[in-house]
Amino acid sequence: FVSSTDTIGAMGSRAKARPELRGSAVAGAAASSVATVVQLAIVVGLVSMPTLEALVPSLVLSGLAAVGYAGLFTVRSVRETTEADIAPGRPFSPKTALLFVLVVGAALAISTVLTSWLGDRGLLLAAGVAGLGDSHAAAISAASLAAGGKTGVPMAAIAVLIGFSTNAISKTVVAFSLGDRRFAFQLLPGIVLMVLAA
């Protein structure tokens, strides 16, 4: 359960360096998006259960799309034979955790200000911008505003989905930037399916 965008970048780099692993890399990148959906459900549920209840159908459908797409590439890549070459490293990065806290704090502050100033339109704008960096920050911010009575649950759920959708743009940019074109074009339909399913 690390950043899906980071995982997509790592898988793209691996596919670029070792094209014979492209199918497995696409499967791993698509599977990382399942974590995004699960984490969204957890963080929203911890902050505002009514917002989570409103999002359940969207999150379930999106998660199923991600699982299906990842499964397709997993089955296709079973024939790929590889040597174990896992690079050593830390499973937890304090720098990443601190950055996440800062992004969530900034998203919450900006969302609160924009919602006070522009109403629900401000929340939607803030969620879209926050989602470019991290979909969870947008989700926590929107759910917090719903829990505090500063916006309605339906509007908070829409804001979560907007952040989720704009985060898909970031994932796509990373896939094209760090992976080769073939990797990105193979992953892109899975990202689009997840957003459309939501």
N, C-alpha and C. Protein backbone atom coordinates (compact mmCIF):
# COMPACT_ATOMS: atom_id res chain seq x y z
N PHE A 1 0.82 -1.20 0.00
CA PHE A 1 0.00 0.00 0.00
C PHE A 1 0.86 1.25 0.00
N VAL A 2 1.67 1.38 -1.02
CA VAL A 2 2.43 2.60 -1.20
C VAL A 2 1.72 3.42 -2.27
N SER A 3 2.27 4.55 -2.60
CA SER A 3 1.66 5.42 -3.60
C SER A 3 1.53 4.69 -4.93
N SER A 4 0.33 4.66 -5.45
CA SER A 4 0.11 4.03 -6.75
C SER A 4 0.85 4.78 -7.85
N THR A 5 0.88 6.09 -7.75
CA THR A 5 1.59 6.88 -8.76
C THR A 5 3.08 6.55 -8.74
N ASP A 6 3.65 6.42 -7.53
CA ASP A 6 5.06 6.03 -7.42
C ASP A 6 5.28 4.63 -7.97
N THR A 7 4.36 3.72 -7.68
CA THR A 7 4.48 2.35 -8.18
C THR A 7 4.41 2.33 -9.69
N ILE A 8 3.52 3.11 -10.26
CA ILE A 8 3.42 3.19 -11.72
C ILE A 8 4.73 3.71 -12.30
N GLY A 9 5.32 4.70 -11.64
CA GLY A 9 6.61 5.21 -12.10
C GLY A 9 7.70 4.14 -12.04
N ALA A 10 7.74 3.39 -10.93
CA ALA A 10 8.74 2.34 -10.78
C ALA A 10 8.53 1.23 -11.81
N MET A 11 7.28 0.84 -12.02
CA MET A 11 7.00 -0.21 -13.00
C MET A 11 7.30 0.26 -14.42
N GLY A 12 7.01 1.54 -14.68
CA GLY A 12 7.33 2.10 -16.00
C GLY A 12 8.83 2.10 -16.26
N SER A 13 9.59 2.48 -15.24
CA SER A 13 11.05 2.48 -15.37
C SER A 13 11.57 1.06 -15.60
N ARG A 14 11.00 0.12 -14.88
CA ARG A 14 11.41 -1.28 -15.04
C ARG A 14 11.08 -1.77 -16.45
N ALA A 15 9.90 -1.45 -16.94
CA ALA A 15 9.50 -1.88 -18.29
C ALA A 15 10.39 -1.25 -19.35
N LYS A 16 10.80 -0.03 -19.11
CA LYS A 16 11.68 0.66 -20.07
C LYS A 16 13.07 0.02 -20.07
N ALA A 17 13.57 -0.31 -18.89
CA ALA A 17 14.90 -0.91 -18.78
C ALA A 17 14.91 -2.37 -19.23
N ARG A 18 13.81 -3.08 -18.97
CA ARG A 18 13.74 -4.50 -19.32
C ARG A 18 12.41 -4.78 -20.02
N PRO A 19 12.34 -4.52 -21.31
CA PRO A 19 11.08 -4.68 -22.05
C PRO A 19 10.44 -6.06 -21.93
N GLU A 20 11.24 -7.08 -21.67
CA GLU A 20 10.67 -8.43 -21.53
C GLU A 20 9.78 -8.53 -20.28
N LEU A 21 9.88 -7.57 -19.38
CA LEU A 21 9.05 -7.55 -18.16
C LEU A 21 7.84 -6.62 -18.28
N ARG A 22 7.61 -6.10 -19.47
CA ARG A 22 6.55 -5.10 -19.63
C ARG A 22 5.19 -5.60 -19.15
N GLY A 23 4.81 -6.82 -19.53
CA GLY A 23 3.50 -7.34 -19.11
C GLY A 23 3.36 -7.40 -17.60
N SER A 24 4.41 -7.89 -16.94
CA SER A 24 4.39 -7.94 -15.47
C SER A 24 4.36 -6.54 -14.88
N ALA A 25 5.08 -5.63 -15.50
CA ALA A 25 5.10 -4.25 -15.00
C ALA A 25 3.73 -3.60 -15.14
N VAL A 26 3.05 -3.84 -16.25
CA VAL A 26 1.70 -3.30 -16.43
C VAL A 26 0.76 -3.92 -15.39
N ALA A 27 0.90 -5.23 -15.16
CA ALA A 27 0.06 -5.90 -14.15
C ALA A 27 0.29 -5.29 -12.77
N GLY A 28 1.56 -5.07 -12.42
CA GLY A 28 1.87 -4.48 -11.12
C GLY A 28 1.35 -3.05 -11.00
N ALA A 29 1.51 -2.28 -12.07
CA ALA A 29 1.04 -0.90 -12.06
C ALA A 29 -0.49 -0.84 -11.93
N ALA A 30 -1.17 -1.70 -12.67
CA ALA A 30 -2.63 -1.73 -12.59
C ALA A 30 -3.09 -2.20 -11.21
N ALA A 31 -2.40 -3.19 -10.65
CA ALA A 31 -2.76 -3.69 -9.32
C ALA A 31 -2.56 -2.62 -8.25
N SER A 32 -1.59 -1.74 -8.46
CA SER A 32 -1.36 -0.68 -7.46
C SER A 32 -2.56 0.25 -7.35
N SER A 33 -3.34 0.33 -8.40
CA SER A 33 -4.54 1.17 -8.36
C SER A 33 -5.63 0.57 -7.48
N VAL A 34 -5.58 -0.74 -7.28
CA VAL A 34 -6.51 -1.37 -6.34
C VAL A 34 -6.26 -0.80 -4.94
N ALA A 35 -4.98 -0.61 -4.62
CA ALA A 35 -4.63 -0.04 -3.31
C ALA A 35 -5.20 1.37 -3.16
N THR A 36 -5.20 2.14 -4.24
CA THR A 36 -5.77 3.49 -4.18
C THR A 36 -7.23 3.42 -3.75
N VAL A 37 -7.98 2.53 -4.35
CA VAL A 37 -9.41 2.40 -4.03
C VAL A 37 -9.61 1.96 -2.57
N VAL A 38 -8.83 0.96 -2.15
CA VAL A 38 -8.95 0.46 -0.77
C VAL A 38 -8.59 1.56 0.23
N GLN A 39 -7.50 2.26 -0.04
CA GLN A 39 -7.08 3.34 0.86
C GLN A 39 -8.10 4.47 0.90
N LEU A 40 -8.69 4.80 -0.24
CA LEU A 40 -9.74 5.83 -0.24
C LEU A 40 -10.88 5.41 0.67
N ALA A 41 -11.30 4.16 0.57
CA ALA A 41 -12.39 3.68 1.42
C ALA A 41 -12.01 3.79 2.90
N ILE A 42 -10.78 3.43 3.22
CA ILE A 42 -10.35 3.47 4.63
C ILE A 42 -10.32 4.90 5.15
N VAL A 43 -9.64 5.80 4.42
CA VAL A 43 -9.50 7.16 4.96
C VAL A 43 -10.82 7.90 5.00
N VAL A 44 -11.66 7.71 3.99
CA VAL A 44 -12.97 8.38 4.00
C VAL A 44 -13.82 7.81 5.13
N GLY A 45 -13.81 6.49 5.29
CA GLY A 45 -14.60 5.87 6.36
C GLY A 45 -14.17 6.29 7.74
N LEU A 46 -12.87 6.50 7.93
CA LEU A 46 -12.39 6.95 9.24
C LEU A 46 -12.83 8.37 9.56
N VAL A 47 -13.00 9.17 8.52
CA VAL A 47 -13.35 10.58 8.72
C VAL A 47 -14.86 10.82 8.66
N SER A 48 -15.54 10.19 7.71
CA SER A 48 -16.98 10.41 7.54
C SER A 48 -17.64 9.16 6.97
N MET A 49 -18.25 8.38 7.84
CA MET A 49 -18.91 7.15 7.39
C MET A 49 -20.03 7.43 6.40
N PRO A 50 -20.83 8.49 6.57
CA PRO A 50 -21.87 8.76 5.57
C PRO A 50 -21.28 9.04 4.17
N THR A 51 -20.12 9.69 4.12
CA THR A 51 -19.48 9.94 2.82
C THR A 51 -19.03 8.62 2.21
N LEU A 52 -18.47 7.75 3.02
CA LEU A 52 -18.07 6.43 2.52
C LEU A 52 -19.28 5.67 1.99
N GLU A 53 -20.38 5.70 2.73
CA GLU A 53 -21.58 4.99 2.29
C GLU A 53 -22.05 5.50 0.93
N ALA A 54 -21.91 6.80 0.69
CA ALA A 54 -22.30 7.36 -0.61
C ALA A 54 -21.35 6.91 -1.72
N LEU A 55 -20.11 6.61 -1.35
CA LEU A 55 -19.09 6.24 -2.34
C LEU A 55 -18.97 4.75 -2.60
N VAL A 56 -19.58 3.92 -1.78
CA VAL A 56 -19.41 2.47 -1.90
C VAL A 56 -19.64 1.96 -3.32
N PRO A 57 -20.75 2.28 -3.98
CA PRO A 57 -20.93 1.73 -5.34
C PRO A 57 -19.80 2.14 -6.30
N SER A 58 -19.41 3.39 -6.25
CA SER A 58 -18.34 3.87 -7.13
C SER A 58 -17.01 3.18 -6.83
N LEU A 59 -16.68 3.07 -5.56
CA LEU A 59 -15.40 2.45 -5.18
C LEU A 59 -15.38 0.96 -5.51
N VAL A 60 -16.49 0.28 -5.29
CA VAL A 60 -16.55 -1.15 -5.61
C VAL A 60 -16.37 -1.36 -7.11
N LEU A 61 -17.09 -0.61 -7.91
CA LEU A 61 -16.99 -0.77 -9.37
C LEU A 61 -15.59 -0.42 -9.87
N SER A 62 -15.02 0.64 -9.34
CA SER A 62 -13.68 1.03 -9.74
C SER A 62 -12.65 -0.02 -9.32
N GLY A 63 -12.79 -0.53 -8.11
CA GLY A 63 -11.89 -1.57 -7.64
C GLY A 63 -11.99 -2.83 -8.48
N LEU A 64 -13.21 -3.21 -8.84
CA LEU A 64 -13.39 -4.39 -9.70
C LEU A 64 -12.75 -4.18 -11.07
N ALA A 65 -12.87 -2.98 -11.61
CA ALA A 65 -12.23 -2.69 -12.89
C ALA A 65 -10.72 -2.82 -12.78
N ALA A 66 -10.16 -2.30 -11.70
CA ALA A 66 -8.71 -2.38 -11.50
C ALA A 66 -8.25 -3.83 -11.32
N VAL A 67 -8.99 -4.60 -10.51
CA VAL A 67 -8.64 -6.01 -10.30
C VAL A 67 -8.73 -6.78 -11.62
N GLY A 68 -9.78 -6.54 -12.37
CA GLY A 68 -9.95 -7.23 -13.66
C GLY A 68 -8.83 -6.91 -14.64
N TYR A 69 -8.48 -5.64 -14.73
CA TYR A 69 -7.43 -5.24 -15.67
C TYR A 69 -6.07 -5.78 -15.23
N ALA A 70 -5.79 -5.69 -13.94
CA ALA A 70 -4.53 -6.24 -13.43
C ALA A 70 -4.49 -7.75 -13.62
N GLY A 71 -5.61 -8.40 -13.40
CA GLY A 71 -5.68 -9.85 -13.59
C GLY A 71 -5.41 -10.25 -15.03
N LEU A 72 -5.96 -9.49 -15.95
CA LEU A 72 -5.73 -9.77 -17.37
C LEU A 72 -4.24 -9.74 -17.69
N PHE A 73 -3.54 -8.71 -17.23
CA PHE A 73 -2.10 -8.62 -17.52
C PHE A 73 -1.29 -9.61 -16.71
N THR A 74 -1.78 -9.98 -15.54
CA THR A 74 -1.08 -10.99 -14.76
C THR A 74 -1.11 -12.33 -15.50
N VAL A 75 -2.28 -12.71 -15.99
CA VAL A 75 -2.41 -13.96 -16.73
C VAL A 75 -1.55 -13.92 -18.00
N ARG A 76 -1.57 -12.80 -18.68
CA ARG A 76 -0.79 -12.68 -19.92
C ARG A 76 0.71 -12.73 -19.66
N SER A 77 1.14 -12.28 -18.49
CA SER A 77 2.57 -12.20 -18.22
C SER A 77 3.13 -13.44 -17.52
N VAL A 78 2.29 -14.42 -17.23
CA VAL A 78 2.74 -15.63 -16.54
C VAL A 78 3.86 -16.31 -17.34
N ARG A 79 3.80 -16.19 -18.64
CA ARG A 79 4.81 -16.83 -19.49
C ARG A 79 6.17 -16.16 -19.42
N GLU A 80 6.21 -14.94 -18.88
CA GLU A 80 7.49 -14.24 -18.78
C GLU A 80 8.33 -14.89 -17.70
N THR A 81 9.54 -15.22 -18.04
CA THR A 81 10.44 -15.78 -17.03
C THR A 81 11.46 -14.73 -16.67
N THR A 82 11.71 -14.63 -15.38
CA THR A 82 12.65 -13.61 -14.92
C THR A 82 13.52 -14.16 -13.81
N GLU A 83 14.59 -13.49 -13.59
CA GLU A 83 15.43 -13.78 -12.44
C GLU A 83 15.01 -12.81 -11.34
N ALA A 84 15.14 -13.24 -10.11
CA ALA A 84 14.81 -12.36 -8.99
C ALA A 84 15.86 -11.26 -8.93
N ASP A 85 15.43 -10.05 -9.09
CA ASP A 85 16.35 -8.92 -9.05
C ASP A 85 15.72 -7.74 -8.33
N ILE A 86 15.22 -8.01 -7.17
CA ILE A 86 14.56 -6.97 -6.38
C ILE A 86 15.64 -6.09 -5.75
N ALA A 87 15.54 -4.82 -6.04
CA ALA A 87 16.51 -3.89 -5.49
C ALA A 87 16.28 -3.72 -3.99
N PRO A 88 17.36 -3.73 -3.20
CA PRO A 88 17.18 -3.53 -1.77
C PRO A 88 16.72 -2.10 -1.49
N GLY A 89 15.99 -1.94 -0.42
CA GLY A 89 15.52 -0.61 -0.05
C GLY A 89 14.61 -0.68 1.15
N ARG A 90 14.14 0.47 1.56
CA ARG A 90 13.25 0.56 2.71
C ARG A 90 11.81 0.35 2.28
N PRO A 91 11.04 -0.41 3.06
CA PRO A 91 9.63 -0.55 2.73
C PRO A 91 8.83 0.67 3.16
N PHE A 92 9.39 1.50 4.03
CA PHE A 92 8.70 2.68 4.54
C PHE A 92 9.65 3.86 4.44
N SER A 93 9.18 4.93 3.89
CA SER A 93 10.01 6.10 3.73
C SER A 93 9.49 7.23 4.63
N PRO A 94 10.28 7.63 5.64
CA PRO A 94 9.84 8.74 6.50
C PRO A 94 9.62 10.02 5.69
N LYS A 95 10.41 10.23 4.67
CA LYS A 95 10.25 11.42 3.83
C LYS A 95 8.89 11.40 3.13
N THR A 96 8.49 10.23 2.62
CA THR A 96 7.19 10.10 1.96
C THR A 96 6.06 10.33 2.95
N ALA A 97 6.19 9.79 4.16
CA ALA A 97 5.16 9.98 5.19
C ALA A 97 5.01 11.46 5.55
N LEU A 98 6.13 12.15 5.71
CA LEU A 98 6.08 13.58 6.03
C LEU A 98 5.46 14.37 4.89
N LEU A 99 5.84 14.04 3.67
CA LEU A 99 5.27 14.72 2.50
C LEU A 99 3.76 14.49 2.44
N PHE A 100 3.31 13.27 2.74
CA PHE A 100 1.88 12.97 2.74
C PHE A 100 1.15 13.84 3.76
N VAL A 101 1.70 13.96 4.96
CA VAL A 101 1.08 14.78 6.01
C VAL A 101 1.00 16.24 5.56
N LEU A 102 2.05 16.73 4.94
CA LEU A 102 2.05 18.12 4.45
C LEU A 102 1.02 18.33 3.35
N VAL A 103 0.92 17.37 2.42
CA VAL A 103 -0.04 17.49 1.32
C VAL A 103 -1.47 17.45 1.87
N VAL A 104 -1.74 16.53 2.80
CA VAL A 104 -3.08 16.44 3.38
C VAL A 104 -3.42 17.72 4.13
N GLY A 105 -2.48 18.23 4.92
CA GLY A 105 -2.71 19.47 5.66
C GLY A 105 -2.98 20.65 4.75
N ALA A 106 -2.17 20.76 3.70
CA ALA A 106 -2.37 21.85 2.73
C ALA A 106 -3.71 21.71 2.02
N ALA A 107 -4.06 20.49 1.62
CA ALA A 107 -5.33 20.28 0.93
C ALA A 107 -6.51 20.62 1.83
N LEU A 108 -6.42 20.24 3.10
CA LEU A 108 -7.50 20.55 4.04
C LEU A 108 -7.63 22.05 4.24
N ALA A 109 -6.51 22.74 4.41
CA ALA A 109 -6.54 24.19 4.60
C ALA A 109 -7.09 24.91 3.37
N ILE A 110 -6.61 24.52 2.21
CA ILE A 110 -7.07 25.15 0.96
C ILE A 110 -8.54 24.87 0.71
N SER A 111 -8.95 23.62 0.95
CA SER A 111 -10.36 23.26 0.76
C SER A 111 -11.27 24.04 1.69
N THR A 112 -10.84 24.20 2.92
CA THR A 112 -11.64 24.95 3.90
C THR A 112 -11.79 26.40 3.46
N VAL A 113 -10.68 27.01 3.05
CA VAL A 113 -10.72 28.41 2.62
C VAL A 113 -11.58 28.56 1.37
N LEU A 114 -11.35 27.71 0.37
CA LEU A 114 -12.12 27.82 -0.88
C LEU A 114 -13.60 27.52 -0.66
N THR A 115 -13.90 26.57 0.23
CA THR A 115 -15.31 26.26 0.51
C THR A 115 -15.98 27.43 1.22
N SER A 116 -15.25 28.07 2.14
CA SER A 116 -15.81 29.25 2.82
C SER A 116 -16.02 30.39 1.83
N TRP A 117 -15.10 30.52 0.90
CA TRP A 117 -15.13 31.65 -0.04
C TRP A 117 -16.08 31.39 -1.21
N LEU A 118 -16.01 30.19 -1.80
CA LEU A 118 -16.78 29.90 -3.02
C LEU A 118 -17.88 28.87 -2.82
N GLY A 119 -18.05 28.38 -1.60
CA GLY A 119 -19.06 27.36 -1.36
C GLY A 119 -18.59 26.01 -1.93
N ASP A 120 -19.55 25.22 -2.33
CA ASP A 120 -19.24 23.89 -2.82
C ASP A 120 -18.37 23.91 -4.08
N ARG A 121 -18.49 24.95 -4.89
CA ARG A 121 -17.61 25.06 -6.08
C ARG A 121 -16.15 25.13 -5.67
N GLY A 122 -15.89 25.80 -4.55
CA GLY A 122 -14.52 25.89 -4.04
C GLY A 122 -13.99 24.53 -3.61
N LEU A 123 -14.85 23.75 -2.98
CA LEU A 123 -14.47 22.40 -2.57
C LEU A 123 -14.12 21.54 -3.78
N LEU A 124 -14.96 21.62 -4.82
CA LEU A 124 -14.71 20.82 -6.02
C LEU A 124 -13.41 21.24 -6.71
N LEU A 125 -13.16 22.53 -6.76
CA LEU A 125 -11.91 23.04 -7.34
C LEU A 125 -10.71 22.57 -6.53
N ALA A 126 -10.79 22.69 -5.22
CA ALA A 126 -9.68 22.27 -4.36
C ALA A 126 -9.44 20.76 -4.47
N ALA A 127 -10.50 19.98 -4.53
CA ALA A 127 -10.35 18.52 -4.65
C ALA A 127 -9.68 18.15 -5.97
N GLY A 128 -10.05 18.84 -7.04
CA GLY A 128 -9.43 18.56 -8.33
C GLY A 128 -7.94 18.87 -8.33
N VAL A 129 -7.58 19.99 -7.76
CA VAL A 129 -6.16 20.37 -7.70
C VAL A 129 -5.40 19.44 -6.76
N ALA A 130 -5.96 19.15 -5.59
CA ALA A 130 -5.29 18.27 -4.63
C ALA A 130 -5.13 16.87 -5.21
N GLY A 131 -6.10 16.42 -5.97
CA GLY A 131 -6.05 15.09 -6.57
C GLY A 131 -4.90 14.92 -7.54
N LEU A 132 -4.45 16.00 -8.15
CA LEU A 132 -3.29 15.91 -9.04
C LEU A 132 -2.07 15.42 -8.28
N GLY A 133 -1.97 15.80 -7.01
CA GLY A 133 -0.84 15.37 -6.20
C GLY A 133 -1.13 14.09 -5.45
N ASP A 134 -2.33 13.96 -4.88
CA ASP A 134 -2.65 12.79 -4.08
C ASP A 134 -4.17 12.69 -3.91
N SER A 135 -4.75 11.60 -4.37
CA SER A 135 -6.20 11.44 -4.27
C SER A 135 -6.66 11.33 -2.82
N HIS A 136 -5.81 10.80 -1.95
CA HIS A 136 -6.19 10.63 -0.55
C HIS A 136 -6.31 11.97 0.17
N ALA A 137 -5.45 12.91 -0.19
CA ALA A 137 -5.53 14.24 0.41
C ALA A 137 -6.86 14.90 0.07
N ALA A 138 -7.26 14.79 -1.18
CA ALA A 138 -8.55 15.35 -1.60
C ALA A 138 -9.69 14.66 -0.86
N ALA A 139 -9.58 13.34 -0.71
CA ALA A 139 -10.64 12.57 -0.04
C ALA A 139 -10.76 12.93 1.44
N ILE A 140 -9.63 13.01 2.12
CA ILE A 140 -9.65 13.36 3.55
C ILE A 140 -10.22 14.76 3.74
N SER A 141 -9.82 15.67 2.89
CA SER A 141 -10.29 17.04 2.98
C SER A 141 -11.81 17.11 2.80
N ALA A 142 -12.31 16.48 1.74
CA ALA A 142 -13.75 16.52 1.47
C ALA A 142 -14.54 15.83 2.58
N ALA A 143 -14.07 14.68 3.02
CA ALA A 143 -14.77 13.95 4.09
C ALA A 143 -14.75 14.74 5.39
N SER A 144 -13.65 15.43 5.67
CA SER A 144 -13.56 16.26 6.88
C SER A 144 -14.58 17.39 6.84
N LEU A 145 -14.73 18.01 5.70
CA LEU A 145 -15.70 19.10 5.58
C LEU A 145 -17.12 18.57 5.74
N ALA A 146 -17.39 17.37 5.22
CA ALA A 146 -18.72 16.77 5.40
C ALA A 146 -18.95 16.42 6.87
N ALA A 147 -17.93 15.86 7.51
CA ALA A 147 -18.07 15.48 8.93
C ALA A 147 -18.28 16.70 9.81
N GLY A 148 -17.69 17.84 9.42
CA GLY A 148 -17.84 19.07 10.19
C GLY A 148 -19.07 19.87 9.82
N GLY A 149 -19.86 19.37 8.88
CA GLY A 149 -21.08 20.07 8.49
C GLY A 149 -20.86 21.27 7.58
N LYS A 150 -19.67 21.41 7.03
CA LYS A 150 -19.37 22.55 6.16
C LYS A 150 -19.79 22.30 4.71
N THR A 151 -20.09 21.05 4.39
CA THR A 151 -20.63 20.69 3.07
C THR A 151 -21.48 19.45 3.25
N GLY A 152 -22.33 19.20 2.28
CA GLY A 152 -23.17 18.01 2.34
C GLY A 152 -22.43 16.76 1.91
N VAL A 153 -22.94 15.63 2.34
CA VAL A 153 -22.33 14.35 1.98
C VAL A 153 -22.29 14.13 0.47
N PRO A 154 -23.37 14.40 -0.27
CA PRO A 154 -23.30 14.19 -1.72
C PRO A 154 -22.19 15.03 -2.38
N MET A 155 -22.03 16.28 -1.93
CA MET A 155 -20.99 17.14 -2.50
C MET A 155 -19.61 16.63 -2.12
N ALA A 156 -19.45 16.14 -0.90
CA ALA A 156 -18.17 15.59 -0.48
C ALA A 156 -17.82 14.36 -1.31
N ALA A 157 -18.82 13.50 -1.58
CA ALA A 157 -18.57 12.31 -2.40
C ALA A 157 -18.16 12.70 -3.81
N ILE A 158 -18.81 13.71 -4.37
CA ILE A 158 -18.43 14.18 -5.71
C ILE A 158 -17.00 14.72 -5.68
N ALA A 159 -16.65 15.44 -4.63
CA ALA A 159 -15.28 15.99 -4.51
C ALA A 159 -14.26 14.86 -4.44
N VAL A 160 -14.57 13.80 -3.69
CA VAL A 160 -13.65 12.65 -3.62
C VAL A 160 -13.45 12.06 -5.01
N LEU A 161 -14.52 11.91 -5.76
CA LEU A 161 -14.42 11.34 -7.11
C LEU A 161 -13.68 12.27 -8.07
N ILE A 162 -13.81 13.56 -7.88
CA ILE A 162 -13.05 14.50 -8.70
C ILE A 162 -11.56 14.37 -8.41
N GLY A 163 -11.20 14.29 -7.14
CA GLY A 163 -9.79 14.10 -6.77
C GLY A 163 -9.25 12.78 -7.31
N PHE A 164 -10.06 11.74 -7.24
CA PHE A 164 -9.69 10.43 -7.77
C PHE A 164 -9.46 10.51 -9.28
N SER A 165 -10.33 11.25 -9.97
CA SER A 165 -10.22 11.38 -11.42
C SER A 165 -9.01 12.20 -11.85
N THR A 166 -8.75 13.31 -11.15
CA THR A 166 -7.58 14.10 -11.53
C THR A 166 -6.29 13.38 -11.18
N ASN A 167 -6.33 12.52 -10.15
CA ASN A 167 -5.15 11.72 -9.83
C ASN A 167 -4.83 10.74 -10.96
N ALA A 168 -5.85 10.30 -11.68
CA ALA A 168 -5.64 9.43 -12.84
C ALA A 168 -4.82 10.15 -13.92
N ILE A 169 -5.00 11.46 -14.01
CA ILE A 169 -4.20 12.25 -14.96
C ILE A 169 -2.73 12.17 -14.56
N SER A 170 -2.45 12.33 -13.28
CA SER A 170 -1.07 12.24 -12.79
C SER A 170 -0.48 10.87 -13.07
N LYS A 171 -1.26 9.82 -12.83
CA LYS A 171 -0.78 8.46 -13.09
C LYS A 171 -0.43 8.29 -14.57
N THR A 172 -1.26 8.84 -15.43
CA THR A 172 -1.02 8.73 -16.86
C THR A 172 0.24 9.48 -17.27
N VAL A 173 0.43 10.68 -16.74
CA VAL A 173 1.63 11.46 -17.05
C VAL A 173 2.88 10.72 -16.59
N VAL A 174 2.83 10.14 -15.40
CA VAL A 174 3.97 9.38 -14.88
C VAL A 174 4.24 8.16 -15.75
N ALA A 175 3.19 7.47 -16.16
CA ALA A 175 3.36 6.28 -17.01
C ALA A 175 4.06 6.63 -18.32
N PHE A 176 3.68 7.74 -18.93
CA PHE A 176 4.31 8.16 -20.18
C PHE A 176 5.71 8.73 -19.95
N SER A 177 5.91 9.38 -18.81
CA SER A 177 7.20 10.02 -18.53
C SER A 177 8.28 9.02 -18.14
N LEU A 178 7.94 8.05 -17.31
CA LEU A 178 8.95 7.13 -16.78
C LEU A 178 8.98 5.78 -17.50
N GLY A 179 7.87 5.42 -18.13
CA GLY A 179 7.83 4.16 -18.88
C GLY A 179 7.98 4.44 -20.36
N ASP A 180 8.07 3.37 -21.13
CA ASP A 180 8.09 3.58 -22.57
C ASP A 180 6.64 3.72 -23.07
N ARG A 181 6.49 4.10 -24.30
CA ARG A 181 5.15 4.36 -24.83
C ARG A 181 4.26 3.12 -24.78
N ARG A 182 4.85 1.97 -25.07
CA ARG A 182 4.05 0.74 -25.07
C ARG A 182 3.51 0.44 -23.67
N PHE A 183 4.35 0.60 -22.64
CA PHE A 183 3.90 0.42 -21.26
C PHE A 183 2.73 1.35 -20.96
N ALA A 184 2.91 2.63 -21.29
CA ALA A 184 1.88 3.63 -20.99
C ALA A 184 0.58 3.34 -21.72
N PHE A 185 0.69 2.98 -23.00
CA PHE A 185 -0.53 2.70 -23.77
C PHE A 185 -1.21 1.41 -23.32
N GLN A 186 -0.46 0.47 -22.76
CA GLN A 186 -1.08 -0.74 -22.22
C GLN A 186 -1.75 -0.46 -20.87
N LEU A 187 -1.19 0.43 -20.09
CA LEU A 187 -1.76 0.76 -18.78
C LEU A 187 -2.95 1.73 -18.89
N LEU A 188 -2.91 2.61 -19.85
CA LEU A 188 -3.92 3.67 -19.98
C LEU A 188 -5.37 3.15 -19.97
N PRO A 189 -5.72 2.10 -20.72
CA PRO A 189 -7.12 1.64 -20.66
C PRO A 189 -7.56 1.23 -19.26
N GLY A 190 -6.67 0.64 -18.48
CA GLY A 190 -7.01 0.27 -17.10
C GLY A 190 -7.31 1.48 -16.25
N ILE A 191 -6.51 2.53 -16.40
CA ILE A 191 -6.74 3.78 -15.64
C ILE A 191 -8.07 4.39 -16.05
N VAL A 192 -8.33 4.43 -17.34
CA VAL A 192 -9.59 5.01 -17.84
C VAL A 192 -10.78 4.18 -17.36
N LEU A 193 -10.67 2.86 -17.40
CA LEU A 193 -11.76 1.99 -16.93
C LEU A 193 -12.08 2.25 -15.47
N MET A 194 -11.04 2.43 -14.64
CA MET A 194 -11.25 2.70 -13.22
C MET A 194 -12.05 3.98 -13.01
N VAL A 195 -11.66 5.01 -13.74
CA VAL A 195 -12.35 6.30 -13.58
C VAL A 195 -13.77 6.21 -14.10
N LEU A 196 -13.96 5.59 -15.25
CA LEU A 196 -15.31 5.46 -15.79
C LEU A 196 -16.20 4.60 -14.91
N ALA A 197 -15.63 3.57 -14.30
CA ALA A 197 -16.41 2.70 -13.41
C ALA A 197 -16.86 3.44 -12.15
N ALA A 198 -16.02 4.38 -11.71
CA ALA A 198 -16.36 5.15 -10.50
C ALA A 198 -17.49 6.09 -10.80
